Amino acid sequence: MKKDMRYICYPFMRESASTVDFEIRTDSLTTRIGEALSLIEDVEKVQTDLRWLQPLAYHLNGSVRGKLAIFPEDLQRLSDIYDEYVTELGESIEQFVLPQGTHAATVLHVCRSEAKKSVRALHKVSLERDVPEILFDFAQLMANVLFVMAVYTNKAQGCDEIPFVSKSYPEWKKKKKQVDMVKSSSES
């Protein structure tokens, strides 16, 4: 007897493969992007970019079990979007900030966190089967784009960022800057 579909929320739920966890995680990410969209009507650039990004989160979802649906041109466009926000934000994103601010920005921070969890779930999948590298690149870049969108949204909505200075890694940024300075001087 065929199972009544009203009792099935997701047909692969009982599988033991990590693919299921990845798909559930990216479903959550896509849903959170929808939530962010409902809050971002006053920041047109972010709204436009999220409308483009949301279906790609579902394409990322299906690209492991099904046919690869993330393409180099998607990755390039996401990279271009990232560059636009970074150019606009400048120094304000050169430090860690607390995930706070306006409701829209905090939801974008939740999206960023969901994207990072998706990367981790994708790593677990890669321990069981081959995963195209473009999926890792896209998922990680998506997390970074969602971060800069959150900062951009706070700026657009008049909310200041609160820097976070780690007590656990107080020297990390200084050391990184020193390494970067040494590299740039040795390249001259």
N, C-alpha and C. Protein backbone atom coordinates (compact mmCIF):
# COMPACT_ATOMS: atom_id res chain seq x y z
N MET A 1 0.83 -1.18 0.00
CA MET A 1 0.00 0.00 0.00
C MET A 1 0.88 1.25 0.00
N LYS A 2 0.53 2.20 -0.85
CA LYS A 2 1.30 3.43 -0.97
C LYS A 2 1.06 4.33 0.25
N LYS A 3 2.14 4.92 0.75
CA LYS A 3 2.07 5.80 1.92
C LYS A 3 1.36 7.10 1.54
N ASP A 4 0.47 7.53 2.40
CA ASP A 4 -0.25 8.79 2.22
C ASP A 4 0.76 9.93 2.35
N MET A 5 0.89 10.78 1.32
CA MET A 5 1.89 11.84 1.26
C MET A 5 1.71 12.90 2.36
N ARG A 6 0.54 12.95 2.97
CA ARG A 6 0.38 13.94 4.05
C ARG A 6 1.25 13.59 5.26
N TYR A 7 1.73 12.34 5.31
CA TYR A 7 2.57 11.90 6.43
C TYR A 7 4.05 11.89 6.07
N ILE A 8 4.38 12.54 4.97
CA ILE A 8 5.78 12.61 4.54
C ILE A 8 6.15 14.07 4.31
N CYS A 9 7.03 14.60 5.15
CA CYS A 9 7.44 16.00 4.98
C CYS A 9 8.63 16.11 4.03
N TYR A 10 9.36 15.02 3.86
CA TYR A 10 10.56 15.01 3.03
C TYR A 10 10.87 13.54 2.75
N PRO A 11 10.87 13.14 1.50
CA PRO A 11 10.93 11.70 1.18
C PRO A 11 12.23 10.98 1.59
N PHE A 12 13.30 11.71 1.83
CA PHE A 12 14.58 11.07 2.14
C PHE A 12 14.91 11.11 3.63
N MET A 13 13.98 11.52 4.45
CA MET A 13 14.22 11.78 5.87
C MET A 13 14.89 10.62 6.60
N ARG A 14 14.58 9.40 6.25
CA ARG A 14 15.12 8.26 7.00
C ARG A 14 16.45 7.73 6.46
N GLU A 15 16.97 8.36 5.44
CA GLU A 15 18.28 7.94 4.93
C GLU A 15 19.36 8.27 5.97
N SER A 16 20.42 7.50 5.96
CA SER A 16 21.52 7.76 6.89
C SER A 16 22.61 8.64 6.28
N ALA A 17 22.58 8.87 4.99
CA ALA A 17 23.62 9.65 4.32
C ALA A 17 23.58 11.12 4.76
N SER A 18 24.73 11.74 4.76
CA SER A 18 24.84 13.15 5.14
C SER A 18 24.16 14.07 4.14
N THR A 19 23.85 13.56 2.98
CA THR A 19 23.14 14.36 1.98
C THR A 19 21.84 14.91 2.55
N VAL A 20 21.16 14.11 3.35
CA VAL A 20 19.89 14.54 3.95
C VAL A 20 20.12 15.76 4.84
N ASP A 21 21.13 15.73 5.67
CA ASP A 21 21.40 16.86 6.57
C ASP A 21 21.76 18.12 5.79
N PHE A 22 22.52 17.94 4.71
CA PHE A 22 22.85 19.07 3.85
C PHE A 22 21.59 19.66 3.23
N GLU A 23 20.72 18.82 2.72
CA GLU A 23 19.50 19.31 2.08
C GLU A 23 18.57 20.00 3.09
N ILE A 24 18.49 19.48 4.28
CA ILE A 24 17.66 20.13 5.31
C ILE A 24 18.28 21.46 5.70
N ARG A 25 19.60 21.50 5.81
CA ARG A 25 20.30 22.74 6.18
C ARG A 25 20.11 23.81 5.11
N THR A 26 20.24 23.45 3.83
CA THR A 26 20.08 24.45 2.76
C THR A 26 18.61 24.85 2.60
N ASP A 27 17.69 23.96 2.96
CA ASP A 27 16.28 24.35 2.98
C ASP A 27 16.07 25.42 4.04
N SER A 28 16.68 25.25 5.19
CA SER A 28 16.58 26.26 6.25
C SER A 28 17.18 27.58 5.80
N LEU A 29 18.33 27.51 5.13
CA LEU A 29 18.96 28.72 4.60
C LEU A 29 18.03 29.45 3.63
N THR A 30 17.44 28.70 2.71
CA THR A 30 16.55 29.31 1.72
C THR A 30 15.35 29.96 2.40
N THR A 31 14.82 29.31 3.42
CA THR A 31 13.69 29.84 4.17
C THR A 31 14.08 31.13 4.89
N ARG A 32 15.26 31.14 5.49
CA ARG A 32 15.73 32.34 6.19
C ARG A 32 15.97 33.51 5.23
N ILE A 33 16.43 33.19 4.02
CA ILE A 33 16.59 34.26 3.01
C ILE A 33 15.21 34.85 2.70
N GLY A 34 14.19 34.00 2.63
CA GLY A 34 12.83 34.50 2.43
C GLY A 34 12.39 35.41 3.57
N GLU A 35 12.76 35.04 4.78
CA GLU A 35 12.44 35.88 5.94
C GLU A 35 13.14 37.24 5.81
N ALA A 36 14.41 37.22 5.42
CA ALA A 36 15.15 38.47 5.24
C ALA A 36 14.49 39.33 4.16
N LEU A 37 14.05 38.70 3.09
CA LEU A 37 13.37 39.44 2.03
C LEU A 37 12.14 40.18 2.53
N SER A 38 11.44 39.57 3.47
CA SER A 38 10.23 40.21 3.99
C SER A 38 10.54 41.44 4.84
N LEU A 39 11.79 41.60 5.23
CA LEU A 39 12.18 42.70 6.11
C LEU A 39 13.00 43.79 5.43
N ILE A 40 13.32 43.60 4.16
CA ILE A 40 14.34 44.43 3.53
C ILE A 40 13.80 45.32 2.41
N GLU A 41 12.52 45.57 2.40
CA GLU A 41 11.91 46.33 1.30
C GLU A 41 12.51 47.71 1.13
N ASP A 42 13.02 48.31 2.18
CA ASP A 42 13.56 49.67 2.11
C ASP A 42 15.03 49.72 1.66
N VAL A 43 15.66 48.58 1.45
CA VAL A 43 17.05 48.56 0.98
C VAL A 43 17.05 47.80 -0.35
N GLU A 44 16.80 48.54 -1.42
CA GLU A 44 16.52 47.95 -2.73
C GLU A 44 17.65 47.06 -3.24
N LYS A 45 18.89 47.47 -3.08
CA LYS A 45 20.01 46.67 -3.59
C LYS A 45 20.03 45.29 -2.93
N VAL A 46 19.89 45.26 -1.62
CA VAL A 46 19.91 43.98 -0.91
C VAL A 46 18.70 43.14 -1.32
N GLN A 47 17.55 43.76 -1.45
CA GLN A 47 16.36 43.02 -1.85
C GLN A 47 16.55 42.40 -3.24
N THR A 48 17.06 43.17 -4.17
CA THR A 48 17.31 42.65 -5.53
C THR A 48 18.28 41.48 -5.50
N ASP A 49 19.36 41.63 -4.76
CA ASP A 49 20.38 40.58 -4.69
C ASP A 49 19.84 39.33 -3.99
N LEU A 50 19.04 39.51 -2.94
CA LEU A 50 18.46 38.34 -2.26
C LEU A 50 17.45 37.61 -3.14
N ARG A 51 16.69 38.36 -3.94
CA ARG A 51 15.74 37.71 -4.86
C ARG A 51 16.47 36.83 -5.86
N TRP A 52 17.65 37.26 -6.28
CA TRP A 52 18.46 36.45 -7.19
C TRP A 52 19.06 35.26 -6.44
N LEU A 53 19.50 35.49 -5.22
CA LEU A 53 20.22 34.47 -4.45
C LEU A 53 19.32 33.35 -3.91
N GLN A 54 18.11 33.68 -3.53
CA GLN A 54 17.25 32.69 -2.87
C GLN A 54 17.05 31.42 -3.70
N PRO A 55 16.68 31.49 -4.98
CA PRO A 55 16.53 30.23 -5.72
C PRO A 55 17.86 29.49 -5.89
N LEU A 56 18.96 30.22 -5.88
CA LEU A 56 20.26 29.55 -6.00
C LEU A 56 20.58 28.74 -4.75
N ALA A 57 20.08 29.16 -3.60
CA ALA A 57 20.26 28.36 -2.39
C ALA A 57 19.56 27.01 -2.56
N TYR A 58 18.39 27.01 -3.20
CA TYR A 58 17.72 25.73 -3.49
C TYR A 58 18.45 24.95 -4.58
N HIS A 59 19.04 25.65 -5.54
CA HIS A 59 19.83 24.94 -6.56
C HIS A 59 21.07 24.30 -5.93
N LEU A 60 21.66 24.99 -4.96
CA LEU A 60 22.76 24.40 -4.20
C LEU A 60 22.28 23.13 -3.51
N ASN A 61 21.10 23.20 -2.92
CA ASN A 61 20.47 22.07 -2.23
C ASN A 61 20.41 20.84 -3.12
N GLY A 62 19.89 21.00 -4.32
CA GLY A 62 19.68 19.86 -5.20
C GLY A 62 20.90 19.42 -5.98
N SER A 63 21.96 20.21 -5.94
CA SER A 63 23.14 19.92 -6.76
C SER A 63 23.98 18.76 -6.25
N VAL A 64 23.68 18.24 -5.08
CA VAL A 64 24.43 17.10 -4.56
C VAL A 64 23.74 15.80 -4.96
N ARG A 65 22.47 15.70 -4.66
CA ARG A 65 21.72 14.48 -4.97
C ARG A 65 21.34 14.42 -6.45
N GLY A 66 21.02 15.58 -7.01
CA GLY A 66 20.55 15.65 -8.39
C GLY A 66 21.61 16.19 -9.33
N LYS A 67 21.14 16.84 -10.36
CA LYS A 67 22.01 17.41 -11.39
C LYS A 67 22.64 18.71 -10.88
N LEU A 68 23.91 18.91 -11.17
CA LEU A 68 24.62 20.13 -10.78
C LEU A 68 23.90 21.35 -11.36
N ALA A 69 23.49 22.27 -10.51
CA ALA A 69 22.71 23.43 -10.94
C ALA A 69 23.33 24.75 -10.52
N ILE A 70 24.57 24.72 -10.07
CA ILE A 70 25.34 25.94 -9.79
C ILE A 70 26.44 25.98 -10.84
N PHE A 71 26.49 27.08 -11.57
CA PHE A 71 27.39 27.18 -12.72
C PHE A 71 28.43 28.28 -12.51
N PRO A 72 29.53 28.24 -13.27
CA PRO A 72 30.57 29.27 -13.11
C PRO A 72 30.02 30.70 -13.21
N GLU A 73 29.05 30.92 -14.07
CA GLU A 73 28.50 32.29 -14.18
C GLU A 73 27.73 32.69 -12.92
N ASP A 74 27.15 31.73 -12.21
CA ASP A 74 26.51 32.02 -10.92
C ASP A 74 27.56 32.43 -9.89
N LEU A 75 28.64 31.67 -9.85
CA LEU A 75 29.73 31.97 -8.92
C LEU A 75 30.33 33.33 -9.24
N GLN A 76 30.50 33.63 -10.53
CA GLN A 76 31.07 34.93 -10.91
C GLN A 76 30.15 36.08 -10.52
N ARG A 77 28.86 35.91 -10.75
CA ARG A 77 27.93 36.98 -10.36
C ARG A 77 27.93 37.18 -8.85
N LEU A 78 27.95 36.09 -8.10
CA LEU A 78 28.00 36.21 -6.64
C LEU A 78 29.28 36.91 -6.21
N SER A 79 30.38 36.60 -6.87
CA SER A 79 31.66 37.26 -6.58
C SER A 79 31.58 38.76 -6.89
N ASP A 80 30.94 39.10 -8.00
CA ASP A 80 30.78 40.51 -8.36
C ASP A 80 29.91 41.25 -7.33
N ILE A 81 28.85 40.58 -6.88
CA ILE A 81 27.99 41.17 -5.85
C ILE A 81 28.79 41.43 -4.58
N TYR A 82 29.61 40.44 -4.19
CA TYR A 82 30.45 40.61 -3.00
C TYR A 82 31.36 41.82 -3.16
N ASP A 83 32.01 41.93 -4.31
CA ASP A 83 32.92 43.05 -4.56
C ASP A 83 32.21 44.40 -4.47
N GLU A 84 30.97 44.46 -4.96
CA GLU A 84 30.21 45.72 -4.89
C GLU A 84 29.98 46.14 -3.44
N TYR A 85 29.58 45.19 -2.60
CA TYR A 85 29.34 45.53 -1.19
C TYR A 85 30.65 45.90 -0.49
N VAL A 86 31.70 45.16 -0.75
CA VAL A 86 32.99 45.44 -0.12
C VAL A 86 33.48 46.83 -0.50
N THR A 87 33.34 47.19 -1.76
CA THR A 87 33.74 48.53 -2.21
C THR A 87 32.94 49.60 -1.49
N GLU A 88 31.65 49.38 -1.36
CA GLU A 88 30.76 50.34 -0.68
C GLU A 88 31.09 50.46 0.81
N LEU A 89 31.39 49.34 1.44
CA LEU A 89 31.56 49.32 2.90
C LEU A 89 32.97 49.68 3.36
N GLY A 90 33.96 49.41 2.53
CA GLY A 90 35.34 49.77 2.87
C GLY A 90 35.82 49.21 4.18
N GLU A 91 36.38 50.09 5.01
CA GLU A 91 37.01 49.68 6.27
C GLU A 91 36.03 49.11 7.30
N SER A 92 34.75 49.38 7.14
CA SER A 92 33.79 48.93 8.16
C SER A 92 33.67 47.41 8.24
N ILE A 93 34.22 46.71 7.25
CA ILE A 93 34.17 45.24 7.30
C ILE A 93 35.55 44.62 7.50
N GLU A 94 36.50 45.42 7.89
CA GLU A 94 37.85 44.91 8.13
C GLU A 94 38.02 44.42 9.56
N GLN A 95 36.94 44.33 10.29
CA GLN A 95 37.00 43.87 11.68
C GLN A 95 35.82 42.95 11.93
N PHE A 96 35.92 42.19 12.98
CA PHE A 96 34.77 41.39 13.40
C PHE A 96 33.74 42.33 14.00
N VAL A 97 32.48 42.05 13.75
CA VAL A 97 31.41 42.83 14.36
C VAL A 97 30.41 41.87 15.00
N LEU A 98 29.73 42.37 16.00
CA LEU A 98 28.70 41.56 16.63
C LEU A 98 27.50 41.44 15.68
N PRO A 99 26.87 40.29 15.64
CA PRO A 99 25.70 40.11 14.77
C PRO A 99 24.48 40.75 15.42
N GLN A 100 24.34 42.04 15.22
CA GLN A 100 23.29 42.82 15.86
C GLN A 100 22.83 43.90 14.90
N GLY A 101 21.91 44.71 15.36
CA GLY A 101 21.47 45.84 14.57
C GLY A 101 19.99 45.80 14.31
N THR A 102 19.62 46.21 13.11
CA THR A 102 18.20 46.23 12.75
C THR A 102 17.69 44.80 12.61
N HIS A 103 16.39 44.66 12.64
CA HIS A 103 15.80 43.33 12.49
C HIS A 103 16.25 42.69 11.18
N ALA A 104 16.22 43.44 10.09
CA ALA A 104 16.64 42.91 8.80
C ALA A 104 18.10 42.45 8.83
N ALA A 105 18.96 43.26 9.41
CA ALA A 105 20.39 42.90 9.46
C ALA A 105 20.63 41.67 10.33
N THR A 106 19.92 41.56 11.44
CA THR A 106 20.12 40.39 12.29
C THR A 106 19.63 39.12 11.60
N VAL A 107 18.56 39.22 10.82
CA VAL A 107 18.11 38.05 10.06
C VAL A 107 19.13 37.70 8.98
N LEU A 108 19.74 38.70 8.37
CA LEU A 108 20.82 38.42 7.40
C LEU A 108 22.01 37.74 8.09
N HIS A 109 22.29 38.11 9.32
CA HIS A 109 23.34 37.41 10.07
C HIS A 109 22.95 35.95 10.33
N VAL A 110 21.67 35.71 10.60
CA VAL A 110 21.20 34.33 10.77
C VAL A 110 21.37 33.58 9.44
N CYS A 111 21.06 34.23 8.33
CA CYS A 111 21.28 33.61 7.01
C CYS A 111 22.75 33.26 6.82
N ARG A 112 23.62 34.18 7.20
CA ARG A 112 25.07 33.93 7.10
C ARG A 112 25.45 32.70 7.90
N SER A 113 24.92 32.61 9.10
CA SER A 113 25.21 31.46 9.95
C SER A 113 24.67 30.17 9.33
N GLU A 114 23.48 30.23 8.76
CA GLU A 114 22.90 29.06 8.09
C GLU A 114 23.76 28.66 6.89
N ALA A 115 24.29 29.63 6.18
CA ALA A 115 25.16 29.33 5.04
C ALA A 115 26.44 28.63 5.50
N LYS A 116 27.00 29.08 6.62
CA LYS A 116 28.18 28.41 7.16
C LYS A 116 27.87 26.98 7.58
N LYS A 117 26.71 26.78 8.19
CA LYS A 117 26.29 25.43 8.56
C LYS A 117 26.11 24.57 7.32
N SER A 118 25.66 25.18 6.24
CA SER A 118 25.51 24.45 4.98
C SER A 118 26.86 24.01 4.43
N VAL A 119 27.86 24.88 4.57
CA VAL A 119 29.22 24.52 4.14
C VAL A 119 29.71 23.32 4.95
N ARG A 120 29.49 23.37 6.23
CA ARG A 120 29.92 22.26 7.10
C ARG A 120 29.19 20.96 6.73
N ALA A 121 27.90 21.06 6.49
CA ALA A 121 27.13 19.88 6.08
C ALA A 121 27.61 19.36 4.73
N LEU A 122 27.99 20.27 3.84
CA LEU A 122 28.52 19.86 2.54
C LEU A 122 29.85 19.13 2.71
N HIS A 123 30.66 19.59 3.65
CA HIS A 123 31.92 18.89 3.94
C HIS A 123 31.63 17.45 4.38
N LYS A 124 30.64 17.27 5.23
CA LYS A 124 30.27 15.91 5.68
C LYS A 124 29.86 15.05 4.49
N VAL A 125 29.11 15.63 3.56
CA VAL A 125 28.73 14.90 2.35
C VAL A 125 29.98 14.50 1.57
N SER A 126 30.95 15.42 1.49
CA SER A 126 32.16 15.14 0.70
C SER A 126 33.00 14.01 1.28
N LEU A 127 32.78 13.67 2.54
CA LEU A 127 33.47 12.52 3.13
C LEU A 127 32.85 11.21 2.66
N GLU A 128 31.64 11.28 2.12
CA GLU A 128 30.91 10.09 1.66
C GLU A 128 30.87 9.95 0.14
N ARG A 129 30.99 11.08 -0.56
CA ARG A 129 30.89 11.05 -2.02
C ARG A 129 31.59 12.27 -2.60
N ASP A 130 31.85 12.24 -3.89
CA ASP A 130 32.47 13.39 -4.54
C ASP A 130 31.50 14.56 -4.60
N VAL A 131 32.02 15.74 -4.29
CA VAL A 131 31.23 16.97 -4.35
C VAL A 131 32.02 17.95 -5.22
N PRO A 132 31.39 18.50 -6.25
CA PRO A 132 32.09 19.47 -7.10
C PRO A 132 32.58 20.68 -6.29
N GLU A 133 33.79 21.09 -6.53
CA GLU A 133 34.40 22.20 -5.79
C GLU A 133 33.59 23.49 -5.92
N ILE A 134 32.92 23.68 -7.03
CA ILE A 134 32.13 24.90 -7.23
C ILE A 134 31.05 25.04 -6.16
N LEU A 135 30.56 23.93 -5.64
CA LEU A 135 29.53 23.99 -4.59
C LEU A 135 30.11 24.54 -3.29
N PHE A 136 31.33 24.12 -2.97
CA PHE A 136 32.00 24.68 -1.79
C PHE A 136 32.28 26.17 -1.98
N ASP A 137 32.80 26.53 -3.15
CA ASP A 137 33.10 27.94 -3.41
C ASP A 137 31.84 28.79 -3.31
N PHE A 138 30.77 28.31 -3.92
CA PHE A 138 29.53 29.07 -3.91
C PHE A 138 28.97 29.21 -2.50
N ALA A 139 28.93 28.11 -1.76
CA ALA A 139 28.36 28.14 -0.41
C ALA A 139 29.17 29.04 0.52
N GLN A 140 30.49 28.97 0.43
CA GLN A 140 31.32 29.82 1.30
C GLN A 140 31.22 31.29 0.92
N LEU A 141 31.20 31.55 -0.39
CA LEU A 141 31.05 32.94 -0.83
C LEU A 141 29.67 33.48 -0.44
N MET A 142 28.65 32.61 -0.51
CA MET A 142 27.32 33.04 -0.12
C MET A 142 27.31 33.50 1.34
N ALA A 143 27.98 32.77 2.21
CA ALA A 143 28.06 33.17 3.62
C ALA A 143 28.70 34.55 3.75
N ASN A 144 29.77 34.78 3.01
CA ASN A 144 30.46 36.07 3.06
C ASN A 144 29.61 37.20 2.48
N VAL A 145 28.86 36.90 1.41
CA VAL A 145 27.96 37.89 0.83
C VAL A 145 26.86 38.25 1.83
N LEU A 146 26.32 37.26 2.51
CA LEU A 146 25.27 37.54 3.50
C LEU A 146 25.81 38.40 4.64
N PHE A 147 27.07 38.20 5.00
CA PHE A 147 27.68 39.06 6.02
C PHE A 147 27.74 40.51 5.56
N VAL A 148 28.27 40.75 4.36
CA VAL A 148 28.39 42.13 3.90
C VAL A 148 27.01 42.75 3.65
N MET A 149 26.03 41.93 3.29
CA MET A 149 24.66 42.44 3.16
C MET A 149 24.13 42.90 4.51
N ALA A 150 24.44 42.16 5.56
CA ALA A 150 24.00 42.54 6.92
C ALA A 150 24.60 43.88 7.32
N VAL A 151 25.88 44.04 7.09
CA VAL A 151 26.56 45.30 7.44
C VAL A 151 26.01 46.45 6.58
N TYR A 152 25.83 46.19 5.31
CA TYR A 152 25.27 47.19 4.39
C TYR A 152 23.87 47.61 4.84
N THR A 153 23.07 46.63 5.25
CA THR A 153 21.70 46.91 5.70
C THR A 153 21.71 47.77 6.96
N ASN A 154 22.57 47.43 7.91
CA ASN A 154 22.68 48.27 9.11
C ASN A 154 23.04 49.70 8.73
N LYS A 155 23.99 49.83 7.83
CA LYS A 155 24.41 51.17 7.40
C LYS A 155 23.24 51.91 6.74
N ALA A 156 22.54 51.23 5.84
CA ALA A 156 21.42 51.84 5.12
C ALA A 156 20.28 52.21 6.06
N GLN A 157 20.13 51.45 7.13
CA GLN A 157 19.04 51.71 8.07
C GLN A 157 19.50 52.51 9.29
N GLY A 158 20.72 53.06 9.21
CA GLY A 158 21.20 53.99 10.22
C GLY A 158 21.62 53.37 11.54
N CYS A 159 22.07 52.12 11.51
CA CYS A 159 22.49 51.45 12.73
C CYS A 159 24.00 51.20 12.68
N ASP A 160 24.70 51.63 13.72
CA ASP A 160 26.14 51.45 13.78
C ASP A 160 26.50 50.01 14.13
N GLU A 161 27.61 49.57 13.59
CA GLU A 161 28.15 48.26 13.93
C GLU A 161 28.86 48.35 15.29
N ILE A 162 28.88 47.24 15.98
CA ILE A 162 29.61 47.15 17.24
C ILE A 162 30.77 46.18 17.01
N PRO A 163 32.00 46.70 17.04
CA PRO A 163 33.16 45.82 16.81
C PRO A 163 33.25 44.75 17.90
N PHE A 164 33.74 43.60 17.51
CA PHE A 164 33.99 42.52 18.45
C PHE A 164 35.49 42.27 18.49
N VAL A 165 36.05 42.36 19.69
CA VAL A 165 37.47 42.07 19.88
C VAL A 165 37.57 40.81 20.70
N SER A 166 38.14 39.79 20.12
CA SER A 166 38.22 38.49 20.77
C SER A 166 39.27 38.48 21.87
N LYS A 167 38.91 37.90 22.99
CA LYS A 167 39.87 37.66 24.07
C LYS A 167 40.62 36.36 23.81
N SER A 168 40.06 35.52 22.96
CA SER A 168 40.68 34.23 22.65
C SER A 168 41.77 34.36 21.60
N TYR A 169 41.57 35.27 20.63
CA TYR A 169 42.53 35.43 19.54
C TYR A 169 42.94 36.90 19.42
N PRO A 170 43.49 37.48 20.45
CA PRO A 170 43.77 38.92 20.41
C PRO A 170 44.87 39.31 19.42
N GLU A 171 45.75 38.42 19.11
CA GLU A 171 46.89 38.76 18.25
C GLU A 171 46.67 38.38 16.79
N TRP A 172 45.57 37.70 16.48
CA TRP A 172 45.37 37.17 15.13
C TRP A 172 45.41 38.26 14.07
N LYS A 173 44.66 39.32 14.25
CA LYS A 173 44.59 40.37 13.23
C LYS A 173 45.93 41.08 13.08
N LYS A 174 46.60 41.34 14.20
CA LYS A 174 47.91 41.99 14.13
C LYS A 174 48.89 41.12 13.35
N LYS A 175 48.91 39.83 13.65
CA LYS A 175 49.83 38.93 12.97
C LYS A 175 49.51 38.85 11.49
N LYS A 176 48.23 38.80 11.14
CA LYS A 176 47.83 38.72 9.74
C LYS A 176 48.29 39.98 9.00
N LYS A 177 48.09 41.15 9.61
CA LYS A 177 48.52 42.40 8.98
C LYS A 177 50.04 42.41 8.79
N GLN A 178 50.77 41.91 9.78
CA GLN A 178 52.22 41.87 9.67
C GLN A 178 52.64 40.95 8.54
N VAL A 179 52.01 39.80 8.42
CA VAL A 179 52.33 38.86 7.34
C VAL A 179 52.01 39.50 6.00
N ASP A 180 50.85 40.17 5.89
CA ASP A 180 50.48 40.84 4.65
C ASP A 180 51.48 41.93 4.29
N MET A 181 51.97 42.69 5.30
CA MET A 181 52.93 43.75 5.05
C MET A 181 54.25 43.17 4.58
N VAL A 182 54.68 42.08 5.16
CA VAL A 182 55.92 41.43 4.76
C VAL A 182 55.80 40.91 3.33
N LYS A 183 54.67 40.29 3.02
CA LYS A 183 54.47 39.79 1.66
C LYS A 183 54.49 40.92 0.65
N SER A 184 53.79 42.01 0.93
CA SER A 184 53.73 43.11 -0.05
C SER A 184 55.09 43.78 -0.20
N SER A 185 55.87 43.89 0.88
CA SER A 185 57.21 44.50 0.75
C SER A 185 58.18 43.59 0.02
N SER A 186 58.00 42.27 0.15
CA SER A 186 58.90 41.35 -0.55
C SER A 186 58.54 41.24 -2.03
N GLU A 187 57.31 41.62 -2.39
CA GLU A 187 56.90 41.58 -3.79
C GLU A 187 57.35 42.82 -4.54
N SER A 188 57.75 43.85 -3.79
CA SER A 188 58.15 45.13 -4.44
C SER A 188 59.50 45.04 -5.06
